[in-house]
Amino acid sequence: MKKIFILIAVLTVISCANKQKTENREYIVLSGKIENQKAAKISIINNDFTKEISLNAEGIFTDTLRVDTGYYSLYHDRTNATLFLTKGEELKITTDATKFIDSMRFEGKDATSNKFLVDKVLRNRGKDPVAIFSQEEGEFIKTMSDIRDVTSQKLKEATDLDEAFIAFEKKNIKYAHLINLSRYPQYYPYYSKNENYKPSETFMAYFKNIEYDNEEDFKIYENFRQLARQHYSKKLNPFEDVKGSVATIKNLKSQVLKNTLAQELAFFISPSGKDADYLYTALSEISTNEKFKKELTKKYTDIQKLKAGKDSPTFDYENHKGGTTSLADLQGKYVYIDVWATWCGPCIAEIPSLKKVEKDYHNKNINFVSISIDALKDHDKWKKMVTDKELGGVQLMADKAWQSQFVTDYVIDGIPRFILIDPNGKIVNADAPRPSDKKLIELFDELKI
């Protein structure tokens, strides 16, 4: 009997020691294996946190994450899944890259929580977004409410979930419902072809009492981050009121939200932007993200080289018709450049307008050049789209996608991007109007092209 008591005491000490070790641990241990891996790494991402973890030849990985409890996105190649990670715990993941979500299995304290998240994705898979967003407003609200209610009921019925996860997931379900509702005013007119739709007061009431300036929820919930960014993007108007947009960000309580919106506003620091100097100074003062501020300073410094009258960066890229074409080959005429990609919806939307401009200025003092920044693996896709859509002008493909020298020299961080160069290779406008913008023709007329 004495030996039994001693054994129980020893086991109790070990159990307490292990519990204390877990509670004191300031990191999460993430490990696992990805069968049939499609890339040499995975990425764990949440708001301003990103960590890449290498896979060995067998797809095995292990690493520590110094992060707080919450939701994180796991990326592998072009697939991703949402994880719930608890600070101080260990989670082991096994899956097959060819059936990424379907084959996911978990071990560890958060295994059941993560299985709940996978089951939620599988349960909602196959729902037709076109059919859902084509519904009339009342029917759409009911559909979204039904989806929310099923998930809430599953959460309520679960008997093996951690109480902390349940608390997190209740909010997550609420924000998922709200972000789905918020997309309706934009998607419904497009899918239903009813351009006259305006959301009712009943519909808009869903968004009245949301505290968007909420740092804690912004850091934890991706759905809330989307809601907040969507909300403030409507309040920011850098094209017409730069100072008002900056003031809106400055007045926020959440520094994390300030940092995020400052990064979004930085997109408007461009070679042709008249407020570039003001924006650079203001955003540098607002943000506490040192990495962002370093990148912002580099961008601001680089665009100084892209002022009108400066020598244009050059290119020498593969021509769809064969061989290569350089900027020097085109000197003697103005050159209007469209930087695009086959996967870029807004780029493709400009094609009809670009074709019209090309037709109207055929045989005039201007060359039209389209430079694709598709990845090398999509080379055949680029060639096919140029042929199928009968794209005119000079069709080129950059050698290193986003990292191509011409792209980085022009500080291109979003496409489509249009550039106008004069017959002597000097920059006219490093951020020229789009073909669909009447200001382009006004610019051509001013230059007597």
Protein backbone atom coordinates (compact mmCIF):
# COMPACT_ATOMS: atom_id res chain seq x y z
CA MET A 1 0.00 0.00 0.00
CA LYS A 2 2.87 2.36 0.90
CA LYS A 3 4.39 1.79 -2.56
CA ILE A 4 1.07 2.70 -4.20
CA PHE A 5 0.90 5.99 -2.23
CA ILE A 6 4.48 6.80 -3.22
CA LEU A 7 3.70 6.07 -6.90
CA ILE A 8 0.59 8.30 -6.82
CA ALA A 9 2.60 11.09 -5.20
CA VAL A 10 5.33 10.82 -7.84
CA LEU A 11 2.78 10.87 -10.67
CA THR A 12 1.07 13.89 -9.12
CA VAL A 13 4.38 15.75 -8.90
CA ILE A 14 5.17 14.90 -12.54
CA SER A 15 1.68 15.97 -13.66
CA CYS A 16 1.91 19.27 -11.79
CA ALA A 17 5.40 19.87 -13.13
CA ASN A 18 4.26 19.26 -16.70
CA LYS A 19 1.25 21.54 -16.23
CA GLN A 20 3.42 24.29 -14.76
CA LYS A 21 5.91 23.87 -17.61
CA THR A 22 3.10 24.31 -20.18
CA GLU A 23 1.58 27.30 -18.38
CA ASN A 24 4.96 29.05 -18.13
CA ARG A 25 5.91 28.37 -21.73
CA GLU A 26 5.93 31.61 -23.77
CA TYR A 27 5.64 29.93 -27.14
CA ILE A 28 3.68 27.38 -29.16
CA VAL A 29 5.30 24.23 -30.52
CA LEU A 30 4.02 23.47 -34.02
CA SER A 31 5.05 20.30 -35.78
CA GLY A 32 3.79 17.82 -38.32
CA LYS A 33 4.11 16.32 -41.75
CA ILE A 34 2.75 17.22 -45.19
CA GLU A 35 2.58 14.27 -47.55
CA ASN A 36 3.06 14.95 -51.28
CA GLN A 37 4.36 18.43 -50.48
CA LYS A 38 4.03 21.01 -53.27
CA ALA A 39 6.50 23.51 -51.82
CA ALA A 40 9.52 23.45 -49.51
CA LYS A 41 7.84 25.46 -46.75
CA ILE A 42 4.68 26.42 -44.90
CA SER A 43 3.80 29.91 -43.68
CA ILE A 44 1.96 30.86 -40.50
CA ILE A 45 0.28 34.28 -40.78
CA ASN A 46 -1.87 36.49 -38.58
CA ASN A 47 -2.20 40.23 -39.20
CA ASP A 48 1.35 41.56 -38.73
CA PHE A 49 2.88 38.16 -37.83
CA THR A 50 4.46 35.96 -40.51
CA LYS A 51 6.75 32.99 -40.08
CA GLU A 52 8.01 30.60 -42.73
CA ILE A 53 8.85 27.06 -41.65
CA SER A 54 10.95 24.76 -43.83
CA LEU A 55 9.86 21.22 -44.67
CA ASN A 56 12.46 18.47 -45.03
CA ALA A 57 12.47 16.02 -47.93
CA GLU A 58 9.77 13.93 -46.24
CA GLY A 59 7.56 16.97 -45.58
CA ILE A 60 8.29 16.97 -41.83
CA PHE A 61 8.50 20.25 -39.92
CA THR A 62 8.79 21.56 -36.37
CA ASP A 63 9.21 25.06 -34.97
CA THR A 64 8.26 27.37 -32.13
CA LEU A 65 5.96 30.37 -32.47
CA ARG A 66 6.16 33.20 -29.95
CA VAL A 67 2.59 34.33 -30.41
CA ASP A 68 -0.56 34.78 -28.35
CA THR A 69 -3.57 32.45 -28.28
CA GLY A 70 -5.81 32.90 -31.31
CA TYR A 71 -6.46 32.15 -34.98
CA TYR A 72 -3.66 31.78 -37.52
CA SER A 73 -3.59 30.96 -41.23
CA LEU A 74 -1.48 28.04 -42.40
CA TYR A 75 -0.36 28.38 -46.04
CA HIS A 76 1.24 25.74 -48.23
CA ASP A 77 1.72 26.52 -51.91
CA ARG A 78 -1.70 27.91 -52.96
CA THR A 79 -3.75 26.24 -50.25
CA ASN A 80 -4.50 27.42 -46.74
CA ALA A 81 -6.36 26.51 -43.57
CA THR A 82 -7.27 28.31 -40.36
CA LEU A 83 -5.65 27.07 -37.15
CA PHE A 84 -6.44 27.78 -33.51
CA LEU A 85 -3.27 27.90 -31.41
CA THR A 86 -3.00 28.19 -27.62
CA LYS A 87 0.05 29.84 -26.11
CA GLY A 88 2.15 27.31 -24.18
CA GLU A 89 0.70 24.27 -25.98
CA GLU A 90 1.83 21.89 -28.71
CA LEU A 91 -0.03 21.09 -31.91
CA LYS A 92 0.89 18.39 -34.41
CA ILE A 93 -0.61 18.50 -37.91
CA THR A 94 -0.57 15.81 -40.57
CA THR A 95 -2.14 16.24 -44.00
CA ASP A 96 -1.77 15.43 -47.68
CA ALA A 97 -1.06 18.44 -49.92
CA THR A 98 -3.29 16.96 -52.65
CA LYS A 99 -6.26 16.93 -50.22
CA PHE A 100 -5.10 19.69 -47.92
CA ILE A 101 -8.22 20.40 -45.85
CA ASP A 102 -9.94 17.02 -46.21
CA SER A 103 -7.02 14.98 -44.90
CA MET A 104 -6.05 17.20 -41.96
CA ARG A 105 -5.48 15.42 -38.66
CA PHE A 106 -4.41 16.96 -35.35
CA GLU A 107 -2.76 15.91 -32.09
CA GLY A 108 -2.47 17.99 -28.93
CA LYS A 109 -4.67 20.03 -26.62
CA ASP A 110 -6.12 22.02 -29.54
CA ALA A 111 -6.83 18.97 -31.71
CA THR A 112 -10.62 19.06 -31.22
CA SER A 113 -10.76 22.83 -31.71
CA ASN A 114 -8.96 22.58 -35.03
CA LYS A 115 -11.09 19.64 -36.12
CA PHE A 116 -14.13 21.85 -35.45
CA LEU A 117 -12.68 24.52 -37.77
CA VAL A 118 -11.97 21.96 -40.51
CA ASP A 119 -15.47 20.50 -40.22
CA LYS A 120 -16.92 24.01 -40.53
CA VAL A 121 -15.08 24.55 -43.82
CA LEU A 122 -16.13 21.15 -45.19
CA ARG A 123 -19.75 21.75 -44.14
CA ASN A 124 -19.94 25.01 -46.10
CA ARG A 125 -17.98 23.81 -49.11
CA GLY A 126 -19.89 23.58 -52.37
CA LYS A 127 -22.29 26.43 -51.65
CA ASP A 128 -22.73 28.47 -54.82
CA PRO A 129 -21.77 32.12 -54.10
CA VAL A 130 -23.42 33.34 -57.32
CA ALA A 131 -26.73 31.76 -56.34
CA ILE A 132 -26.47 33.05 -52.76
CA PHE A 133 -25.54 36.64 -53.65
CA SER A 134 -28.20 36.75 -56.38
CA GLN A 135 -30.95 36.28 -53.79
CA GLU A 136 -33.24 39.12 -52.80
CA GLU A 137 -32.18 40.91 -49.63
CA GLY A 138 -34.54 39.17 -47.19
CA GLU A 139 -33.81 35.73 -48.61
CA PHE A 140 -30.07 36.40 -48.50
CA ILE A 141 -30.20 37.45 -44.83
CA LYS A 142 -32.09 34.25 -44.01
CA THR A 143 -29.52 32.11 -45.87
CA MET A 144 -26.64 33.75 -44.01
CA SER A 145 -28.46 33.46 -40.69
CA ASP A 146 -29.09 29.76 -41.29
CA ILE A 147 -25.37 29.17 -41.95
CA ARG A 148 -24.48 31.08 -38.77
CA ASP A 149 -27.09 29.24 -36.70
CA VAL A 150 -25.94 25.79 -37.84
CA THR A 151 -22.35 26.59 -36.83
CA SER A 152 -23.50 28.03 -33.49
CA GLN A 153 -25.55 24.93 -32.79
CA LYS A 154 -22.62 22.64 -33.61
CA LEU A 155 -20.50 24.66 -31.18
CA LYS A 156 -23.18 24.37 -28.50
CA GLU A 157 -23.57 20.61 -28.97
CA ALA A 158 -19.83 19.88 -28.87
CA THR A 159 -18.81 18.18 -25.62
CA ASP A 160 -15.04 18.00 -26.10
CA LEU A 161 -14.11 21.61 -26.85
CA ASP A 162 -12.01 23.80 -24.58
CA GLU A 163 -13.96 26.63 -22.91
CA ALA A 164 -11.42 29.20 -24.09
CA PHE A 165 -11.87 28.11 -27.71
CA ILE A 166 -15.65 28.24 -27.38
CA ALA A 167 -15.44 31.86 -26.22
CA PHE A 168 -13.17 32.75 -29.15
CA GLU A 169 -15.32 30.90 -31.67
CA LYS A 170 -18.58 32.57 -30.60
CA LYS A 171 -17.09 35.92 -31.62
CA ASN A 172 -15.56 34.43 -34.73
CA ILE A 173 -18.96 33.15 -35.86
CA LYS A 174 -20.50 36.58 -35.24
CA TYR A 175 -17.86 38.39 -37.29
CA ALA A 176 -18.02 35.80 -40.10
CA HIS A 177 -21.75 36.45 -40.34
CA LEU A 178 -21.25 40.22 -40.46
CA ILE A 179 -18.52 40.14 -43.10
CA ASN A 180 -20.70 37.93 -45.31
CA LEU A 181 -23.58 40.37 -44.93
CA SER A 182 -21.31 43.34 -45.65
CA ARG A 183 -20.40 41.97 -49.09
CA TYR A 184 -24.00 41.84 -50.28
CA PRO A 185 -24.42 45.51 -51.35
CA GLN A 186 -21.42 45.11 -53.67
CA TYR A 187 -22.03 41.56 -54.93
CA TYR A 188 -25.81 41.59 -55.39
CA PRO A 189 -25.94 44.33 -58.08
CA TYR A 190 -23.20 42.53 -60.01
CA TYR A 191 -24.65 39.01 -59.89
CA SER A 192 -28.32 40.00 -60.19
CA LYS A 193 -27.70 42.74 -62.80
CA ASN A 194 -29.80 45.04 -60.61
CA GLU A 195 -27.65 48.18 -60.55
CA ASN A 196 -30.38 50.19 -58.78
CA TYR A 197 -30.26 48.20 -55.54
CA LYS A 198 -29.79 50.10 -52.30
CA PRO A 199 -29.65 48.29 -48.95
CA SER A 200 -32.64 48.81 -46.67
CA GLU A 201 -32.48 50.42 -43.22
CA THR A 202 -33.13 46.97 -41.75
CA PHE A 203 -30.08 45.62 -43.56
CA MET A 204 -27.80 48.49 -42.55
CA ALA A 205 -28.90 48.15 -38.90
CA TYR A 206 -26.69 45.04 -38.65
CA PHE A 207 -23.62 47.33 -38.77
CA LYS A 208 -24.72 50.19 -36.51
CA ASN A 209 -23.36 49.06 -33.15
CA ILE A 210 -20.02 47.57 -34.19
CA GLU A 211 -17.01 49.01 -32.36
CA TYR A 212 -14.60 49.10 -35.28
CA ASP A 213 -11.79 50.76 -33.29
CA ASN A 214 -11.25 47.58 -31.26
CA GLU A 215 -7.59 46.59 -31.08
CA GLU A 216 -8.07 43.28 -29.27
CA ASP A 217 -10.53 41.88 -31.80
CA PHE A 218 -8.58 43.36 -34.72
CA LYS A 219 -5.50 41.40 -33.62
CA ILE A 220 -7.40 38.11 -33.16
CA TYR A 221 -10.12 37.81 -35.81
CA GLU A 222 -9.49 37.93 -39.56
CA ASN A 223 -13.20 38.48 -40.20
CA PHE A 224 -13.18 41.51 -37.90
CA ARG A 225 -10.05 42.85 -39.60
CA GLN A 226 -11.86 42.70 -42.92
CA LEU A 227 -14.88 44.46 -41.42
CA ALA A 228 -12.77 47.24 -39.90
CA ARG A 229 -10.69 47.79 -43.02
CA GLN A 230 -13.82 47.83 -45.15
CA HIS A 231 -15.43 50.35 -42.78
CA TYR A 232 -12.47 52.74 -42.71
CA SER A 233 -11.73 52.42 -46.44
CA LYS A 234 -15.09 54.14 -46.99
CA LYS A 235 -14.02 56.97 -44.70
CA LEU A 236 -10.60 57.44 -46.31
CA ASN A 237 -10.58 59.49 -49.50
CA PRO A 238 -6.93 60.13 -50.39
CA PHE A 239 -7.77 61.18 -53.94
CA GLU A 240 -9.77 64.22 -52.82
CA ASP A 241 -9.02 64.72 -49.12
CA VAL A 242 -5.58 63.50 -48.11
CA LYS A 243 -5.41 65.55 -44.92
CA GLY A 244 -8.87 64.41 -43.83
CA SER A 245 -7.87 60.78 -44.44
CA VAL A 246 -4.72 61.20 -42.35
CA ALA A 247 -6.75 62.86 -39.57
CA THR A 248 -9.18 59.91 -39.54
CA ILE A 249 -6.29 57.51 -38.91
CA LYS A 250 -4.66 59.74 -36.30
CA ASN A 251 -7.88 59.92 -34.28
CA LEU A 252 -8.13 56.14 -33.84
CA LYS A 253 -7.35 54.59 -30.45
CA SER A 254 -5.89 51.33 -31.76
CA GLN A 255 -2.25 51.64 -32.77
CA VAL A 256 -2.44 48.29 -34.59
CA LEU A 257 -5.32 49.60 -36.70
CA LYS A 258 -3.41 52.85 -37.31
CA ASN A 259 -0.43 50.85 -38.56
CA THR A 260 -2.63 48.79 -40.91
CA LEU A 261 -4.41 51.79 -42.41
CA ALA A 262 -1.14 53.69 -42.74
CA GLN A 263 0.17 50.83 -44.88
CA GLU A 264 -2.93 51.00 -47.08
CA LEU A 265 -2.64 54.76 -47.49
CA ALA A 266 1.03 54.36 -48.47
CA PHE A 267 -0.19 52.93 -51.77
CA PHE A 268 -1.13 56.50 -52.75
CA ILE A 269 2.46 57.72 -52.51
CA SER A 270 3.19 57.69 -56.22
CA PRO A 271 5.54 59.45 -58.66
CA SER A 272 2.69 61.62 -59.97
CA GLY A 273 0.99 62.14 -56.60
CA LYS A 274 0.96 65.81 -55.62
CA ASP A 275 0.64 64.87 -51.93
CA ALA A 276 3.52 62.38 -51.82
CA ASP A 277 5.69 64.57 -49.57
CA TYR A 278 2.88 65.22 -47.09
CA LEU A 279 1.77 61.58 -47.02
CA TYR A 280 5.30 60.32 -46.47
CA THR A 281 5.83 62.61 -43.46
CA ALA A 282 2.39 61.95 -41.98
CA LEU A 283 2.49 58.16 -42.30
CA SER A 284 6.02 58.04 -40.89
CA GLU A 285 4.72 59.84 -37.79
CA ILE A 286 1.57 57.68 -37.45
CA SER A 287 3.09 54.20 -37.78
CA THR A 288 5.12 52.43 -35.10
CA ASN A 289 5.99 49.57 -37.47
CA GLU A 290 9.72 50.02 -38.09
CA LYS A 291 9.82 47.57 -40.98
CA PHE A 292 7.02 49.44 -42.75
CA LYS A 293 8.68 52.80 -42.15
CA LYS A 294 11.93 51.52 -43.64
CA GLU A 295 10.04 50.26 -46.72
CA LEU A 296 8.12 53.56 -46.90
CA THR A 297 11.35 55.56 -46.89
CA LYS A 298 12.78 53.38 -49.67
CA LYS A 299 9.62 53.84 -51.76
CA TYR A 300 9.62 57.60 -51.22
CA THR A 301 13.31 57.82 -52.14
CA ASP A 302 12.84 55.64 -55.24
CA ILE A 303 9.91 57.64 -56.64
CA GLN A 304 12.05 60.78 -56.66
CA LYS A 305 13.86 59.17 -59.60
CA LEU A 306 10.56 58.85 -61.49
CA LYS A 307 9.64 62.51 -61.83
CA ALA A 308 8.64 63.84 -65.25
CA GLY A 309 11.69 64.53 -67.40
CA LYS A 310 13.91 61.89 -65.78
CA ASP A 311 15.38 59.05 -67.87
CA SER A 312 13.04 56.08 -67.84
CA PRO A 313 14.15 52.72 -66.49
CA THR A 314 14.60 50.33 -69.40
CA PHE A 315 13.48 46.82 -70.32
CA ASP A 316 14.37 44.08 -72.80
CA TYR A 317 11.72 41.35 -72.60
CA GLU A 318 10.35 38.42 -74.60
CA ASN A 319 8.01 39.45 -77.39
CA HIS A 320 4.90 37.35 -78.01
CA LYS A 321 5.70 37.41 -81.72
CA GLY A 322 9.23 36.14 -81.14
CA GLY A 323 12.59 37.49 -80.04
CA THR A 324 12.87 40.30 -77.53
CA THR A 325 11.96 43.99 -77.53
CA SER A 326 13.67 46.74 -75.56
CA LEU A 327 12.67 50.30 -74.76
CA ALA A 328 15.51 51.47 -77.02
CA ASP A 329 13.84 49.64 -79.95
CA LEU A 330 10.80 51.88 -79.50
CA GLN A 331 12.49 55.28 -79.22
CA GLY A 332 11.38 57.93 -81.67
CA LYS A 333 7.74 57.65 -80.60
CA TYR A 334 5.86 58.03 -77.34
CA VAL A 335 5.48 54.72 -75.49
CA TYR A 336 2.35 53.96 -73.46
CA ILE A 337 3.00 50.94 -71.23
CA ASP A 338 0.41 48.70 -69.55
CA VAL A 339 1.84 46.53 -66.76
CA TRP A 340 -0.63 43.69 -66.22
CA ALA A 341 -1.12 39.93 -65.60
CA THR A 342 -3.53 37.26 -66.80
CA TRP A 343 -4.83 36.73 -63.24
CA CYS A 344 -5.60 40.43 -62.66
CA GLY A 345 -9.34 41.19 -62.97
CA PRO A 346 -8.98 45.01 -63.09
CA CYS A 347 -6.26 44.61 -65.76
CA ILE A 348 -8.53 42.51 -67.97
CA ALA A 349 -11.38 45.00 -67.42
CA GLU A 350 -9.20 47.67 -69.08
CA ILE A 351 -8.62 45.63 -72.25
CA PRO A 352 -11.67 46.88 -74.23
CA SER A 353 -10.77 50.52 -73.48
CA LEU A 354 -7.12 49.88 -74.35
CA LYS A 355 -8.11 48.29 -77.67
CA LYS A 356 -10.21 51.36 -78.52
CA VAL A 357 -7.38 53.78 -77.69
CA GLU A 358 -4.95 51.68 -79.75
CA LYS A 359 -7.35 51.75 -82.71
CA ASP A 360 -7.92 55.51 -82.43
CA TYR A 361 -4.16 56.20 -82.32
CA HIS A 362 -3.09 53.66 -84.91
CA ASN A 363 -0.27 55.02 -87.13
CA LYS A 364 0.19 58.03 -84.83
CA ASN A 365 3.29 59.01 -82.90
CA ILE A 366 2.88 56.41 -80.16
CA ASN A 367 3.61 52.74 -79.46
CA PHE A 368 1.40 50.71 -77.16
CA VAL A 369 3.24 48.13 -75.06
CA SER A 370 1.78 45.59 -72.63
CA ILE A 371 4.19 43.96 -70.16
CA SER A 372 2.89 40.87 -68.40
CA ILE A 373 4.28 40.12 -64.94
CA ASP A 374 2.88 36.60 -64.85
CA ALA A 375 5.08 34.00 -63.18
CA LEU A 376 7.27 31.93 -65.50
CA LYS A 377 5.10 28.87 -64.86
CA ASP A 378 2.17 30.76 -66.43
CA HIS A 379 4.06 31.55 -69.62
CA ASP A 380 1.77 29.41 -71.78
CA LYS A 381 -1.30 30.94 -70.14
CA TRP A 382 0.01 34.41 -71.10
CA LYS A 383 0.64 33.35 -74.71
CA LYS A 384 -2.83 31.81 -74.98
CA MET A 385 -4.64 34.85 -73.53
CA VAL A 386 -2.83 37.25 -75.87
CA THR A 387 -3.90 35.09 -78.82
CA ASP A 388 -7.45 34.35 -77.64
CA LYS A 389 -8.25 37.97 -76.77
CA GLU A 390 -6.48 39.25 -79.91
CA LEU A 391 -4.46 41.73 -77.91
CA GLY A 392 -2.78 44.38 -80.03
CA GLY A 393 0.28 46.53 -79.61
CA VAL A 394 3.60 45.09 -78.49
CA GLN A 395 3.00 42.16 -76.12
CA LEU A 396 5.92 41.41 -73.78
CA MET A 397 6.50 39.19 -70.76
CA ALA A 398 8.79 40.33 -67.93
CA ASP A 399 11.50 37.89 -66.90
CA LYS A 400 10.99 37.75 -63.11
CA ALA A 401 7.34 38.69 -62.48
CA TRP A 402 7.10 41.22 -59.61
CA GLN A 403 10.88 41.10 -59.13
CA SER A 404 11.64 42.13 -62.72
CA GLN A 405 14.01 45.10 -62.82
CA PHE A 406 11.63 47.37 -64.74
CA VAL A 407 8.85 46.62 -62.24
CA THR A 408 10.98 47.32 -59.17
CA ASP A 409 12.57 50.41 -60.77
CA TYR A 410 9.10 51.88 -61.28
CA VAL A 411 8.14 50.94 -57.68
CA ILE A 412 5.09 49.03 -58.93
CA ASP A 413 3.17 47.55 -55.99
CA GLY A 414 -0.21 47.18 -57.69
CA ILE A 415 -1.55 46.52 -61.18
CA PRO A 416 -2.73 47.55 -63.67
CA ARG A 417 -0.13 50.30 -63.86
CA PHE A 418 0.23 52.60 -66.85
CA ILE A 419 3.34 54.58 -67.81
CA LEU A 420 3.94 57.16 -70.53
CA ILE A 421 7.45 57.76 -71.94
CA ASP A 422 8.42 60.38 -74.53
CA PRO A 423 10.22 59.73 -77.86
CA ASN A 424 13.60 60.39 -76.20
CA GLY A 425 13.13 57.84 -73.43
CA LYS A 426 12.20 60.45 -70.80
CA ILE A 427 9.37 59.92 -68.30
CA VAL A 428 6.19 61.86 -69.06
CA ASN A 429 4.06 60.24 -66.36
CA ALA A 430 5.16 57.26 -64.25
CA ASP A 431 1.56 56.72 -63.12
CA ALA A 432 -0.40 57.65 -66.24
CA PRO A 433 -4.23 57.59 -66.55
CA ARG A 434 -5.89 54.30 -67.44
CA PRO A 435 -7.33 53.74 -70.93
CA SER A 436 -10.85 53.98 -69.45
CA ASP A 437 -10.08 57.42 -67.97
CA LYS A 438 -10.90 60.40 -70.23
CA LYS A 439 -7.85 62.15 -68.76
CA LEU A 440 -5.65 59.89 -70.90
CA ILE A 441 -6.97 61.38 -74.14
CA GLU A 442 -6.70 64.86 -72.64
CA LEU A 443 -3.02 64.11 -71.93
CA PHE A 444 -2.48 62.80 -75.47
CA ASP A 445 -4.13 65.93 -76.89
CA GLU A 446 -1.96 68.16 -74.70
CA LEU A 447 1.15 66.41 -76.07
CA LYS A 448 -0.24 66.59 -79.62
CA ILE A 449 0.26 62.87 -80.15
